Amino acid sequence: MRCAICGSDRLSPVGDLISGEKWMDRLCLRFDRPGILKPRPTFTAGFARACRDCGALLPFLAEYERRRLDESADRLADVEGAP
């Protein structure tokens, strides 16, 4: 595995990725609502590696979340205002 930013192969071991003080606070990847009353598709990125050369953080999904994303990928839409 290589860093997506600088291409280095010097990555840290896998670590838990949290976004707050509580262990349940996780980073999430969200997409636009598929309908007015439907919830926004959300996928939790609970793990990450860090590049030891450039410091980039490489978050990723657990296997369960990756499967959920894969199953719904064709129905997902960009969030409003995305580049």
Protein backbone atom coordinates (compact mmCIF):
# COMPACT_ATOMS: atom_id res chain seq x y z
CA MET A 1 0.00 0.00 0.00
CA ARG A 2 1.23 3.49 -0.86
CA CYS A 3 0.32 7.00 0.24
CA ALA A 4 -2.25 8.55 -2.07
CA ILE A 5 -0.57 11.95 -1.71
CA CYS A 6 3.20 11.43 -2.02
CA GLY A 7 3.46 7.78 -3.11
CA SER A 8 5.56 6.69 -0.13
CA ASP A 9 5.27 3.12 1.10
CA ARG A 10 6.17 4.20 4.66
CA LEU A 11 2.71 4.01 6.24
CA SER A 12 1.83 3.51 9.88
CA PRO A 13 -0.03 0.46 11.12
CA VAL A 14 -3.84 0.65 11.07
CA GLY A 15 -5.30 2.73 13.88
CA ASP A 16 -8.78 3.64 15.12
CA LEU A 17 -10.01 6.88 13.61
CA ILE A 18 -12.09 9.06 15.93
CA SER A 19 -13.27 12.64 15.59
CA GLY A 20 -13.91 13.61 19.19
CA GLU A 21 -13.29 12.80 22.81
CA LYS A 22 -15.69 9.85 22.92
CA TRP A 23 -14.76 6.48 21.41
CA MET A 24 -18.06 6.47 19.48
CA ASP A 25 -17.29 9.75 17.66
CA ARG A 26 -16.24 8.64 14.18
CA LEU A 27 -15.64 10.36 10.85
CA CYS A 28 -18.43 9.74 8.35
CA LEU A 29 -18.72 9.93 4.58
CA ARG A 30 -22.16 11.34 3.64
CA PHE A 31 -23.94 11.66 0.32
CA ASP A 32 -26.94 13.68 -0.85
CA ARG A 33 -30.44 12.49 0.06
CA PRO A 34 -31.99 10.11 -2.49
CA GLY A 35 -35.40 11.73 -1.84
CA ILE A 36 -37.01 14.47 0.23
CA LEU A 37 -37.96 12.28 3.20
CA LYS A 38 -35.18 9.72 2.94
CA PRO A 39 -32.08 9.80 5.20
CA ARG A 40 -28.70 10.76 3.80
CA PRO A 41 -26.58 7.68 3.01
CA THR A 42 -23.78 7.71 5.60
CA PHE A 43 -20.74 5.44 5.95
CA THR A 44 -18.45 5.44 8.97
CA ALA A 45 -14.70 5.63 8.39
CA GLY A 46 -13.43 3.97 11.54
CA PHE A 47 -9.82 3.21 10.62
CA ALA A 48 -6.83 5.03 9.15
CA ARG A 49 -3.15 4.88 8.35
CA ALA A 50 -0.80 7.86 8.41
CA CYS A 51 2.03 8.48 5.96
CA ARG A 52 5.31 8.66 7.83
CA ASP A 53 6.83 10.89 5.14
CA CYS A 54 4.23 13.57 4.36
CA GLY A 55 1.82 13.13 7.29
CA ALA A 56 -1.27 12.52 5.17
CA LEU A 57 -4.06 10.68 6.93
CA LEU A 58 -5.62 7.88 4.88
CA PRO A 59 -9.04 7.00 6.35
CA PHE A 60 -10.93 3.91 5.23
CA LEU A 61 -14.09 1.96 5.88
CA ALA A 62 -14.45 -1.27 7.81
CA GLU A 63 -15.43 -4.27 5.66
CA TYR A 64 -19.11 -4.03 6.65
CA GLU A 65 -19.27 -0.33 5.69
CA ARG A 66 -17.37 -1.00 2.45
CA ARG A 67 -19.93 -3.66 1.47
CA ARG A 68 -22.81 -1.28 2.26
CA LEU A 69 -21.17 1.41 0.11
CA ASP A 70 -20.60 -1.01 -2.74
CA GLU A 71 -24.22 -2.19 -2.67
CA SER A 72 -25.59 1.35 -2.89
CA ALA A 73 -22.88 3.06 -5.00
CA ASP A 74 -24.98 3.23 -8.18
CA ARG A 75 -27.73 5.12 -6.32
CA LEU A 76 -25.51 7.68 -4.55
CA ALA A 77 -25.39 11.34 -5.57
CA ASP A 78 -22.84 14.09 -4.97
CA VAL A 79 -23.65 16.51 -2.15
CA GLU A 80 -24.98 19.87 -3.23
CA GLY A 81 -22.19 22.34 -3.98
CA ALA A 82 -19.54 19.66 -4.57
CA PRO A 83 -16.79 20.52 -7.07
